[in-house]
Each structure stands twice: as structure tokens, then as C-alpha cells.
Amino acid sequence: MPPARWLIDELLKQWDAQPERVAQALERALEADPELRWAVVVGAYLDEQISLAKAAELLGLDRWTLQEEFLKRGIPLHTGPRNLDEARAEMEVWRQWSQPPSSS
């Protein structure tokens, strides 16, 4: 029988009071259930909450292995900017990074 919604609501309340403790409990639950861990991590990736590299780290894989697995399963890869604004922002960061430091 699935847990009642109240359990999730209470975990969210406890998150505000004791985030480390709740995070540890959730991590233990995900360690005990690899299929759930996969679903949660891939869901976060698809929702663009985490990158492919972070998803690979959380799943204990290297980026290339996870990318191959995604391709096999038909999971879309998010690489590069998604729109012109993101591309411009990336270019601006690159320009700032590539400038030699000014000597004042």
C-alpha cells in the first residue's frame, strides 16, 4: 500500500527544520532501491534540475556511460544552450573568462 500523502507533507516540513537529517534518510532510501534512484535522478535530469554530469555522478557512472544508456533508452540528451539567450549568456561568460586580467 502506498504511503499516505501526509508522509510526504511531513517530510517537507521536517526538511525546513532538519534538512541534513531528511536528506540522509532519503539517500538511504534511494540506496536501498536502485530502480527508484534511477527514476528520481533521470526525472531531475529531464526536468533540467541537474546536468548530465551530475546525473552520472549520482548514479555512480561516468558521463559517457550514462549518455550511451540514455541513447539506448530513448532518453533525450540536453547538451548546449537551449535558446539564443542561453547561448549569449554562455558567450559572455566565455568572453569574461578568456580576457587577460587587467593590471591596475
Protein backbone atom coordinates (compact mmCIF):
# COMPACT_ATOMS: atom_id res chain seq x y z
CA MET A 1 0.00 0.00 0.00
CA PRO A 2 1.50 3.36 -0.97
CA PRO A 3 2.23 5.81 1.82
CA ALA A 4 -0.33 8.46 2.51
CA ARG A 5 0.28 11.95 1.17
CA TRP A 6 0.69 13.13 4.76
CA LEU A 7 4.07 11.38 4.94
CA ILE A 8 5.44 13.44 2.07
CA ASP A 9 3.94 16.61 3.56
CA GLU A 10 5.59 15.91 6.91
CA LEU A 11 8.95 15.17 5.30
CA LEU A 12 8.76 18.55 3.58
CA LYS A 13 8.08 20.24 6.94
CA GLN A 14 10.99 18.39 8.51
CA TRP A 15 13.17 19.45 5.59
CA ASP A 16 12.80 23.05 6.77
CA ALA A 17 13.78 22.13 10.33
CA GLN A 18 16.36 19.39 9.72
CA PRO A 19 17.46 19.33 6.08
CA GLU A 20 20.59 17.23 6.64
CA ARG A 21 18.70 14.54 8.54
CA VAL A 22 15.92 14.30 5.95
CA ALA A 23 18.48 14.25 3.11
CA GLN A 24 20.34 11.38 4.81
CA ALA A 25 17.12 9.41 5.25
CA LEU A 26 16.15 9.94 1.62
CA GLU A 27 19.65 8.99 0.45
CA ARG A 28 19.42 5.72 2.41
CA ALA A 29 16.05 5.01 0.82
CA LEU A 30 17.46 5.61 -2.66
CA GLU A 31 20.49 3.43 -1.92
CA ALA A 32 18.14 0.61 -0.94
CA ASP A 33 16.14 0.89 -4.17
CA PRO A 34 18.30 1.36 -7.30
CA GLU A 35 15.27 1.50 -9.61
CA LEU A 36 13.77 4.34 -7.60
CA ARG A 37 17.16 6.10 -7.56
CA TRP A 38 17.32 5.81 -11.37
CA ALA A 39 13.77 7.18 -11.72
CA VAL A 40 14.42 10.11 -9.37
CA VAL A 41 17.75 11.07 -10.94
CA VAL A 42 16.52 10.73 -14.52
CA GLY A 43 13.40 12.70 -13.62
CA ALA A 44 15.53 15.50 -12.19
CA TYR A 45 17.66 15.45 -15.35
CA LEU A 46 14.62 15.56 -17.63
CA ASP A 47 13.18 18.43 -15.57
CA GLU A 48 16.53 20.20 -16.11
CA GLN A 49 17.22 20.40 -12.38
CA ILE A 50 20.57 18.62 -12.79
CA SER A 51 23.07 18.21 -15.62
CA LEU A 52 24.05 15.00 -17.36
CA ALA A 53 27.34 15.04 -15.45
CA LYS A 54 25.53 15.40 -12.11
CA ALA A 55 23.09 12.63 -13.04
CA ALA A 56 26.03 10.37 -13.89
CA GLU A 57 27.69 11.19 -10.57
CA LEU A 58 24.51 10.44 -8.61
CA LEU A 59 24.10 7.13 -10.43
CA GLY A 60 27.74 6.13 -9.94
CA LEU A 61 28.51 6.19 -13.67
CA ASP A 62 30.77 8.23 -15.88
CA ARG A 63 29.12 10.77 -18.17
CA TRP A 64 29.80 8.77 -21.34
CA THR A 65 28.31 5.55 -19.98
CA LEU A 66 25.18 7.37 -18.87
CA GLN A 67 24.93 9.14 -22.21
CA GLU A 68 25.08 5.76 -24.00
CA GLU A 69 22.42 4.36 -21.64
CA PHE A 70 20.16 7.35 -22.30
CA LEU A 71 20.55 6.88 -26.05
CA LYS A 72 19.68 3.17 -25.75
CA ARG A 73 16.58 4.01 -23.73
CA GLY A 74 15.49 6.90 -25.94
CA ILE A 75 16.03 9.49 -23.20
CA PRO A 76 16.76 12.88 -24.77
CA LEU A 77 20.15 14.44 -24.16
CA HIS A 78 20.32 18.08 -23.08
CA THR A 79 23.56 19.50 -24.38
CA GLY A 80 24.44 23.08 -25.07
CA PRO A 81 22.23 26.14 -24.84
CA ARG A 82 18.52 25.67 -25.46
CA ASN A 83 17.88 29.11 -26.87
CA LEU A 84 19.54 32.27 -28.08
CA ASP A 85 19.53 33.94 -24.65
CA GLU A 86 21.37 30.98 -23.10
CA ALA A 87 23.87 31.00 -25.97
CA ARG A 88 24.51 34.72 -25.46
CA ALA A 89 24.95 34.22 -21.72
CA GLU A 90 27.45 31.41 -22.32
CA MET A 91 29.38 33.56 -24.78
CA GLU A 92 29.52 36.44 -22.30
CA VAL A 93 30.90 34.16 -19.59
CA TRP A 94 33.46 32.81 -22.06
CA ARG A 95 34.50 36.34 -23.06
CA GLN A 96 34.97 37.36 -19.44
CA TRP A 97 36.88 34.20 -18.65
CA SER A 98 39.16 34.47 -21.69
CA GLN A 99 40.14 38.10 -21.05
CA PRO A 100 43.59 38.53 -19.53
CA PRO A 101 43.43 40.06 -16.07
CA SER A 102 43.82 43.82 -16.09
CA SER A 103 46.85 45.13 -14.27
CA SER A 104 45.74 48.06 -12.15
